[in-house]
Amino acid sequence: VLYCTVLYCTVLYCTVLYCTVLYCTVLYCTVLYCTVLYCTVLYCTVLYCTVLYCTVLYCTVLYCTVLYCTVLYCTVLYCTVLYCTVLYCTVLYCTVLYCTALYCTVLYCTVLYCTV
């Protein structure tokens, strides 16, 4: 009876110990797996969002830079053409005015001296 009791207690103890170790191992592995999975998903999400954000930021900065440079170039070109046109017209007007005044003066003086 004592032998059976000791055997029973030993088997019971080993069974409980085995089940406890098995339960803890399964629990530990499940928690570890879930943690690794969660961290992997979190890392991939953060990486994806960072790459997406940086790409959008880069494209926006590039677009704005190109737009700014285009507008600046066109503005400078327009102002240069406008300035040159105004300058050309002013010089042309003054030249025509000067030549007309000179012609009229010479004509007036010629008529005045020829008639006297």
C-alpha atoms as a PDB file:
ATOM      1  CA  VAL A   1       0.000   0.000   0.000  1.00  0.00           C
ATOM      2  CA  LEU A   2       2.828   2.340   0.851  1.00  0.00           C
ATOM      3  CA  TYR A   3       4.533   1.494  -2.413  1.00  0.00           C
ATOM      4  CA  CYS A   4       1.343   2.190  -4.352  1.00  0.00           C
ATOM      5  CA  THR A   5       0.798   5.425  -2.510  1.00  0.00           C
ATOM      6  CA  VAL A   6       4.339   6.619  -3.173  1.00  0.00           C
ATOM      7  CA  LEU A   7       4.076   5.518  -6.787  1.00  0.00           C
ATOM      8  CA  TYR A   8       0.727   7.268  -7.175  1.00  0.00           C
ATOM      9  CA  CYS A   9       2.065  10.483  -5.592  1.00  0.00           C
ATOM     10  CA  THR A  10       5.177  10.367  -7.727  1.00  0.00           C
ATOM     11  CA  VAL A  11       3.182   9.840 -10.920  1.00  0.00           C
ATOM     12  CA  LEU A  12       0.750  12.567  -9.875  1.00  0.00           C
ATOM     13  CA  TYR A  13       3.595  14.933  -9.033  1.00  0.00           C
ATOM     14  CA  CYS A  14       5.352  14.213 -12.356  1.00  0.00           C
ATOM     15  CA  THR A  15       2.129  14.605 -14.282  1.00  0.00           C
ATOM     16  CA  VAL A  16       1.363  17.949 -12.603  1.00  0.00           C
ATOM     17  CA  LEU A  17       4.951  19.082 -13.099  1.00  0.00           C
ATOM     18  CA  TYR A  18       4.928  17.985 -16.753  1.00  0.00           C
ATOM     19  CA  CYS A  19       1.596  19.716 -17.394  1.00  0.00           C
ATOM     20  CA  THR A  20       2.770  22.862 -15.628  1.00  0.00           C
ATOM     21  CA  VAL A  21       6.016  22.969 -17.636  1.00  0.00           C
ATOM     22  CA  LEU A  22       4.117  22.242 -20.847  1.00  0.00           C
ATOM     23  CA  TYR A  23       1.538  24.939 -20.085  1.00  0.00           C
ATOM     24  CA  CYS A  24       4.257  27.489 -19.245  1.00  0.00           C
ATOM     25  CA  THR A  25       6.231  26.599 -22.363  1.00  0.00           C
ATOM     26  CA  VAL A  26       3.174  26.938 -24.600  1.00  0.00           C
ATOM     27  CA  LEU A  27       2.232  30.205 -22.897  1.00  0.00           C
ATOM     28  CA  TYR A  28       5.779  31.556 -23.208  1.00  0.00           C
ATOM     29  CA  CYS A  29       5.996  30.560 -26.897  1.00  0.00           C
ATOM     30  CA  THR A  30       2.576  32.038 -27.638  1.00  0.00           C
ATOM     31  CA  VAL A  31       3.447  35.326 -25.912  1.00  0.00           C
ATOM     32  CA  LEU A  32       6.833  35.402 -27.658  1.00  0.00           C
ATOM     33  CA  TYR A  33       5.250  34.686 -31.059  1.00  0.00           C
ATOM     34  CA  CYS A  34       2.588  37.344 -30.558  1.00  0.00           C
ATOM     35  CA  THR A  35       5.171  39.871 -29.378  1.00  0.00           C
ATOM     36  CA  VAL A  36       7.422  39.192 -32.362  1.00  0.00           C
ATOM     37  CA  LEU A  37       4.446  39.349 -34.718  1.00  0.00           C
ATOM     38  CA  TYR A  38       3.208  42.593 -33.160  1.00  0.00           C
ATOM     39  CA  CYS A  39       6.666  44.166 -33.298  1.00  0.00           C
ATOM     40  CA  THR A  40       7.161  43.055 -36.892  1.00  0.00           C
ATOM     41  CA  VAL A  41       3.801  44.469 -37.956  1.00  0.00           C
ATOM     42  CA  LEU A  42       4.495  47.681 -36.038  1.00  0.00           C
ATOM     43  CA  TYR A  43       7.979  48.007 -37.564  1.00  0.00           C
ATOM     44  CA  CYS A  44       6.654  47.384 -41.087  1.00  0.00           C
ATOM     45  CA  THR A  45       3.826  49.868 -40.576  1.00  0.00           C
ATOM     46  CA  VAL A  46       6.206  52.535 -39.260  1.00  0.00           C
ATOM     47  CA  LEU A  47       8.655  51.841 -42.085  1.00  0.00           C
ATOM     48  CA  TYR A  48       5.886  52.008 -44.701  1.00  0.00           C
ATOM     49  CA  CYS A  49       4.502  55.248 -43.274  1.00  0.00           C
ATOM     50  CA  THR A  50       7.973  56.778 -43.054  1.00  0.00           C
ATOM     51  CA  VAL A  51       8.797  55.863 -46.639  1.00  0.00           C
ATOM     52  CA  LEU A  52       5.407  57.108 -47.809  1.00  0.00           C
ATOM     53  CA  TYR A  53       5.759  60.363 -45.837  1.00  0.00           C
ATOM     54  CA  CYS A  54       9.297  60.952 -47.121  1.00  0.00           C
ATOM     55  CA  THR A  55       8.266  60.202 -50.695  1.00  0.00           C
ATOM     56  CA  VAL A  56       5.303  62.573 -50.498  1.00  0.00           C
ATOM     57  CA  LEU A  57       7.476  65.234 -48.841  1.00  0.00           C
ATOM     58  CA  TYR A  58      10.214  64.829 -51.464  1.00  0.00           C
ATOM     59  CA  CYS A  59       7.699  65.030 -54.332  1.00  0.00           C
ATOM     60  CA  THR A  60       6.019  68.073 -52.801  1.00  0.00           C
ATOM     61  CA  VAL A  61       9.337  69.875 -52.304  1.00  0.00           C
ATOM     62  CA  LEU A  62      10.431  68.945 -55.827  1.00  0.00           C
ATOM     63  CA  TYR A  63       7.122  70.129 -57.306  1.00  0.00           C
ATOM     64  CA  CYS A  64       7.260  73.419 -55.385  1.00  0.00           C
ATOM     65  CA  THR A  65      10.877  73.995 -56.362  1.00  0.00           C
ATOM     66  CA  VAL A  66      10.179  73.364 -60.039  1.00  0.00           C
ATOM     67  CA  LEU A  67       7.070  75.539 -59.895  1.00  0.00           C
ATOM     68  CA  TYR A  68       8.948  78.335 -58.098  1.00  0.00           C
ATOM     69  CA  CYS A  69      11.845  78.193 -60.577  1.00  0.00           C
ATOM     70  CA  THR A  70       9.481  78.177 -63.548  1.00  0.00           C
ATOM     71  CA  VAL A  71       7.517  81.151 -62.220  1.00  0.00           C
ATOM     72  CA  LEU A  72      10.746  82.993 -61.387  1.00  0.00           C
ATOM     73  CA  TYR A  73      12.205  82.281 -64.835  1.00  0.00           C
ATOM     74  CA  CYS A  74       9.022  83.372 -66.612  1.00  0.00           C
ATOM     75  CA  THR A  75       8.772  86.500 -64.475  1.00  0.00           C
ATOM     76  CA  VAL A  76      12.388  87.456 -65.143  1.00  0.00           C
ATOM     77  CA  LEU A  77      11.958  86.711 -68.845  1.00  0.00           C
ATOM     78  CA  TYR A  78       8.726  88.731 -69.033  1.00  0.00           C
ATOM     79  CA  CYS A  79      10.235  91.671 -67.136  1.00  0.00           C
ATOM     80  CA  THR A  80      13.371  91.592 -69.269  1.00  0.00           C
ATOM     81  CA  VAL A  81      11.370  91.552 -72.499  1.00  0.00           C
ATOM     82  CA  LEU A  82       9.101  94.294 -71.201  1.00  0.00           C
ATOM     83  CA  TYR A  83      12.054  96.413 -70.049  1.00  0.00           C
ATOM     84  CA  CYS A  84      13.867  95.945 -73.374  1.00  0.00           C
ATOM     85  CA  THR A  85      10.726  96.770 -75.345  1.00  0.00           C
ATOM     86  CA  VAL A  86      10.107  99.943 -73.336  1.00  0.00           C
ATOM     87  CA  LEU A  87      13.766 100.926 -73.650  1.00  0.00           C
ATOM     88  CA  TYR A  88      13.772 100.261 -77.406  1.00  0.00           C
ATOM     89  CA  CYS A  89      10.545 102.227 -77.922  1.00  0.00           C
ATOM     90  CA  THR A  90      11.846 105.113 -75.811  1.00  0.00           C
ATOM     91  CA  VAL A  91      15.132 105.282 -77.746  1.00  0.00           C
ATOM     92  CA  LEU A  92      13.251 105.001 -81.049  1.00  0.00           C
ATOM     93  CA  TYR A  93      10.788 107.732 -80.025  1.00  0.00           C
ATOM     94  CA  CYS A  94      13.568 110.047 -78.874  1.00  0.00           C
ATOM     95  CA  THR A  95      15.571 109.409 -82.047  1.00  0.00           C
ATOM     96  CA  VAL A  96      12.565 110.129 -84.277  1.00  0.00           C
ATOM     97  CA  LEU A  97      11.723 113.217 -82.216  1.00  0.00           C
ATOM     98  CA  TYR A  98      15.316 114.465 -82.369  1.00  0.00           C
ATOM     99  CA  CYS A  99      15.577 113.815 -86.119  1.00  0.00           C
ATOM    100  CA  THR A 100      12.236 115.502 -86.754  1.00  0.00           C
ATOM    101  CA  ALA A 101      13.240 118.513 -84.673  1.00  0.00           C
ATOM    102  CA  LEU A 102      16.609 118.680 -86.428  1.00  0.00           C
ATOM    103  CA  TYR A 103      14.989 118.352 -89.879  1.00  0.00           C
ATOM    104  CA  CYS A 104      12.421 121.029 -89.045  1.00  0.00           C
ATOM    105  CA  THR A 105      15.119 123.354 -87.717  1.00  0.00           C
ATOM    106  CA  VAL A 106      17.303 122.878 -90.803  1.00  0.00           C
ATOM    107  CA  LEU A 107      14.301 123.317 -93.080  1.00  0.00           C
ATOM    108  CA  TYR A 108      13.189 126.435 -91.204  1.00  0.00           C
ATOM    109  CA  CYS A 109      16.675 127.941 -91.281  1.00  0.00           C
ATOM    110  CA  THR A 110      17.069 127.116 -94.974  1.00  0.00           C
ATOM    111  CA  VAL A 111      13.756 128.674 -95.831  1.00  0.00           C
ATOM    112  CA  LEU A 112      14.502 131.685 -93.628  1.00  0.00           C
ATOM    113  CA  TYR A 113      17.974 132.307 -95.125  1.00  0.00           C
ATOM    114  CA  CYS A 114      16.955 131.530 -98.656  1.00  0.00           C
ATOM    115  CA  THR A 115      14.107 134.021 -98.610  1.00  0.00           C
ATOM    116  CA  VAL A 116      16.164 136.833 -97.152  1.00  0.00           C
END
